[in-house]
Amino acid sequence: MKFRRQKTTDNTVNVTPLIDVVFLLLIFFMVSTTFTKETHLSIHLPEAEGEPVEAVAEAIEIGIDAEGHYSINNTPLVNQKVLTLMRGLDQLAEGNTDRPVTIRADAKASHQAVVTAMDAAGRSGFVHLSITTQSPEK
């Protein structure tokens, strides 16, 4: 007996082009996506009773979060050293030490971090210091 070979049909799907398209889409989205890093410090103000004071437009604000990281006018500093804080204040003030400085510290920030900010402002020549608080919740 002589058997003939019958043609078999290939019932599989070639996924190679599909994988190529998926990789191209992945590369496209990786290249075209922009990532933003939020750099604002999260600060929960301590509570105190008193009359609110109008904010001065030219005031310099030193922010201190719960871990003791500093920011000047919502721009975070690279480290927690006094000299870095002094340089930032000097650069922002441009020699005008009559500008008021407001310290906005988190309620859980260490006392040392607040004193360091006050010391840096004092050593830079600023004399008008104030501390921001919030009214207690009733």
Protein backbone atom coordinates (compact mmCIF):
# COMPACT_ATOMS: atom_id res chain seq x y z
CA MET A 1 0.00 0.00 0.00
CA LYS A 2 1.11 3.35 -0.85
CA PHE A 3 0.08 6.12 1.52
CA ARG A 4 -0.05 9.68 0.41
CA ARG A 5 0.99 12.43 2.64
CA GLN A 6 -1.83 14.73 3.29
CA LYS A 7 -1.28 18.39 3.82
CA THR A 8 -2.02 19.47 7.32
CA THR A 9 -3.27 22.94 7.89
CA ASP A 10 -1.56 25.06 10.49
CA ASN A 11 -4.22 26.20 12.95
CA THR A 12 -1.93 28.27 15.20
CA VAL A 13 -1.70 32.03 15.34
CA ASN A 14 1.67 33.64 14.82
CA VAL A 15 2.09 35.98 17.78
CA THR A 16 5.46 37.43 16.79
CA PRO A 17 4.00 40.54 15.09
CA LEU A 18 1.68 41.03 18.05
CA ILE A 19 4.61 40.99 20.48
CA ASP A 20 6.48 43.48 18.29
CA VAL A 21 3.52 45.86 18.34
CA VAL A 22 3.15 45.55 22.12
CA PHE A 23 6.84 46.34 22.64
CA LEU A 24 6.61 49.34 20.33
CA LEU A 25 3.60 50.64 22.26
CA LEU A 26 5.40 50.08 25.55
CA ILE A 27 8.45 52.02 24.34
CA PHE A 28 6.23 54.81 23.00
CA PHE A 29 4.42 55.25 26.31
CA MET A 30 7.64 55.07 28.32
CA VAL A 31 9.25 57.79 26.22
CA SER A 32 6.22 60.07 25.98
CA THR A 33 5.16 59.92 29.64
CA THR A 34 6.36 62.69 31.93
CA PHE A 35 6.73 62.04 35.62
CA THR A 36 6.28 64.84 38.12
CA LYS A 37 7.51 64.65 41.63
CA GLU A 38 5.58 66.64 44.16
CA THR A 39 8.02 68.45 46.38
CA HIS A 40 5.69 70.14 48.83
CA LEU A 41 6.16 69.32 52.47
CA SER A 42 3.13 68.05 54.34
CA ILE A 43 2.74 70.29 57.40
CA HIS A 44 0.10 70.07 60.13
CA LEU A 45 0.27 73.33 62.06
CA PRO A 46 0.21 73.48 65.86
CA GLU A 47 -2.80 75.07 67.51
CA ALA A 48 -2.88 78.39 69.36
CA GLU A 49 -5.46 81.00 70.15
CA GLY A 50 -4.94 84.54 68.98
CA GLU A 51 -5.90 87.07 66.37
CA PRO A 52 -4.91 86.26 62.78
CA VAL A 53 -2.43 88.65 61.24
CA GLU A 54 -2.47 89.65 57.58
CA ALA A 55 0.32 87.99 55.62
CA VAL A 56 2.90 90.29 54.08
CA ALA A 57 3.43 89.70 50.36
CA GLU A 58 7.22 89.95 50.56
CA ALA A 59 7.58 87.69 53.59
CA ILE A 60 9.93 84.72 53.46
CA GLU A 61 8.38 81.48 54.67
CA ILE A 62 10.44 78.67 56.15
CA GLY A 63 8.52 75.37 56.16
CA ILE A 64 9.45 72.48 58.46
CA ASP A 65 7.74 69.09 58.14
CA ALA A 66 7.36 66.42 60.83
CA GLU A 67 10.71 64.81 59.92
CA GLY A 68 12.59 68.13 60.13
CA HIS A 69 13.02 68.78 56.39
CA TYR A 70 13.18 72.46 55.45
CA SER A 71 11.71 74.43 52.57
CA ILE A 72 11.93 78.13 51.76
CA ASN A 73 8.85 79.57 50.04
CA ASN A 74 7.71 76.00 49.17
CA THR A 75 11.08 75.12 47.60
CA PRO A 76 12.61 72.15 49.47
CA LEU A 77 16.24 72.33 50.54
CA VAL A 78 18.71 69.59 49.69
CA ASN A 79 19.66 68.88 53.32
CA GLN A 80 18.91 69.90 56.90
CA LYS A 81 22.09 71.83 57.61
CA VAL A 82 22.08 75.34 59.06
CA LEU A 83 24.46 76.65 56.39
CA THR A 84 22.16 75.43 53.60
CA LEU A 85 19.22 77.20 55.24
CA MET A 86 21.27 80.39 55.68
CA ARG A 87 22.40 80.33 52.04
CA GLY A 88 18.80 79.87 50.88
CA LEU A 89 17.62 82.79 53.02
CA ASP A 90 20.49 85.02 51.84
CA GLN A 91 19.87 84.16 48.20
CA LEU A 92 16.14 84.85 48.47
CA ALA A 93 16.48 88.07 50.49
CA GLU A 94 19.12 89.57 48.18
CA GLY A 95 20.55 91.59 51.06
CA ASN A 96 17.20 92.93 52.32
CA THR A 97 17.12 91.60 55.90
CA ASP A 98 14.16 93.85 56.80
CA ARG A 99 11.82 91.34 55.17
CA PRO A 100 9.75 89.39 57.70
CA VAL A 101 10.45 85.69 58.09
CA THR A 102 7.57 83.34 58.93
CA ILE A 103 8.34 79.88 60.30
CA ARG A 104 5.64 77.36 59.41
CA ALA A 105 6.47 74.20 61.34
CA ASP A 106 4.52 70.96 61.62
CA ALA A 107 3.04 70.31 65.08
CA LYS A 108 5.13 67.12 65.30
CA ALA A 109 8.38 68.77 64.16
CA SER A 110 11.14 68.67 66.73
CA HIS A 111 11.85 71.74 68.79
CA GLN A 112 15.44 71.56 67.56
CA ALA A 113 14.32 71.96 63.93
CA VAL A 114 12.38 75.14 64.81
CA VAL A 115 15.28 76.53 66.85
CA THR A 116 17.66 75.76 63.98
CA ALA A 117 15.43 77.71 61.58
CA MET A 118 15.28 80.63 64.01
CA ASP A 119 19.05 80.49 64.47
CA ALA A 120 19.67 80.47 60.71
CA ALA A 121 17.36 83.47 60.24
CA GLY A 122 19.03 85.33 63.11
CA ARG A 123 22.54 84.58 61.87
CA SER A 124 21.52 85.80 58.40
CA GLY A 125 20.48 89.14 59.91
CA PHE A 126 16.68 88.82 59.96
CA VAL A 127 15.00 90.32 63.00
CA HIS A 128 11.28 90.11 62.15
CA LEU A 129 10.43 86.47 62.94
CA SER A 130 6.99 84.96 63.42
CA ILE A 131 5.60 81.44 63.77
CA THR A 132 2.45 80.27 61.99
CA THR A 133 -0.21 78.38 63.96
CA GLN A 134 -3.82 77.41 63.41
CA SER A 135 -6.88 77.99 65.58
CA PRO A 136 -7.90 75.01 67.73
CA GLU A 137 -10.86 73.03 66.49
CA LYS A 138 -13.94 73.44 68.62
